[in-house]
Amino acid sequence: MDHPKRTLVKTITWRLIAFAITIVVVYLYSGDVKESLIVGIGANLLKMVFYYAHERAWNRVRFGKIREPEYQI
């Protein structure tokens, strides 16, 4: 299980990448820098919150995890 701080750092780094992509796409569509920044900031703040919650929820799911043995000989 990942520590919550690790999940938070992963969330922030991924959102920075996604933020840049969003700004570029909106700018290419609208040609407006201010609109691109507003959409990029708003969308990515919401997505960051939902991504963090999603990661924390998946840490509780056992599906696909390999259990480490309680002891080794």
Protein backbone atom coordinates (compact mmCIF):
# COMPACT_ATOMS: atom_id res chain seq x y z
CA MET A 1 0.00 0.00 0.00
CA ASP A 2 1.30 3.44 -0.91
CA HIS A 3 1.69 6.08 1.76
CA PRO A 4 -0.80 8.97 1.37
CA LYS A 5 2.10 11.39 0.79
CA ARG A 6 3.28 9.29 -2.17
CA THR A 7 -0.23 9.38 -3.62
CA LEU A 8 -0.33 13.15 -3.15
CA VAL A 9 3.01 13.67 -4.92
CA LYS A 10 1.91 11.40 -7.79
CA THR A 11 -1.33 13.37 -8.00
CA ILE A 12 0.44 16.72 -8.17
CA THR A 13 3.06 15.68 -10.74
CA TRP A 14 0.47 14.10 -13.02
CA ARG A 15 -1.83 17.10 -12.74
CA LEU A 16 1.03 19.44 -13.73
CA ILE A 17 1.49 17.44 -16.93
CA ALA A 18 -2.27 17.34 -17.58
CA PHE A 19 -2.52 21.08 -16.79
CA ALA A 20 -0.01 21.90 -19.52
CA ILE A 21 -1.84 19.67 -22.00
CA THR A 22 -5.21 21.26 -21.16
CA ILE A 23 -3.86 24.78 -21.59
CA VAL A 24 -2.35 23.95 -24.98
CA VAL A 25 -5.51 22.23 -26.25
CA VAL A 26 -7.83 25.04 -25.10
CA TYR A 27 -5.48 27.65 -26.57
CA LEU A 28 -5.38 25.84 -29.92
CA TYR A 29 -9.18 25.73 -29.87
CA SER A 30 -9.91 29.26 -28.65
CA GLY A 31 -6.76 31.26 -29.32
CA ASP A 32 -7.34 32.99 -25.95
CA VAL A 33 -4.57 32.72 -23.35
CA LYS A 34 -6.73 33.95 -20.45
CA GLU A 35 -9.51 31.46 -21.23
CA SER A 36 -6.95 28.67 -21.56
CA LEU A 37 -5.54 29.41 -18.10
CA ILE A 38 -8.99 29.68 -16.47
CA VAL A 39 -10.17 26.38 -17.96
CA GLY A 40 -6.83 24.71 -17.21
CA ILE A 41 -6.79 25.79 -13.57
CA GLY A 42 -10.44 24.97 -12.87
CA ALA A 43 -10.47 21.61 -14.59
CA ASN A 44 -7.21 20.46 -13.07
CA LEU A 45 -8.09 21.42 -9.51
CA LEU A 46 -11.23 19.30 -9.75
CA LYS A 47 -9.42 16.44 -11.44
CA MET A 48 -6.68 16.47 -8.80
CA VAL A 49 -9.21 16.01 -6.00
CA PHE A 50 -10.95 13.16 -7.80
CA TYR A 51 -7.67 11.46 -8.77
CA TYR A 52 -6.45 11.52 -5.17
CA ALA A 53 -9.72 10.02 -3.93
CA HIS A 54 -9.59 7.40 -6.69
CA GLU A 55 -6.02 6.36 -5.79
CA ARG A 56 -6.83 6.14 -2.08
CA ALA A 57 -9.92 4.04 -2.80
CA TRP A 58 -7.92 1.64 -4.99
CA ASN A 59 -5.37 1.19 -2.20
CA ARG A 60 -8.17 -0.47 -0.20
CA VAL A 61 -9.07 -2.92 -2.97
CA ARG A 62 -7.26 -6.25 -2.81
CA PHE A 63 -7.89 -7.12 -6.46
CA GLY A 64 -4.63 -7.77 -8.29
CA LYS A 65 -2.36 -7.36 -5.27
CA ILE A 66 0.15 -10.02 -4.38
CA ARG A 67 0.39 -10.71 -0.68
CA GLU A 68 3.81 -10.78 0.85
CA PRO A 69 4.33 -13.82 3.04
CA GLU A 70 4.09 -13.17 6.76
CA TYR A 71 7.46 -14.84 7.18
CA GLN A 72 10.19 -16.33 5.02
CA ILE A 73 12.49 -19.24 5.70
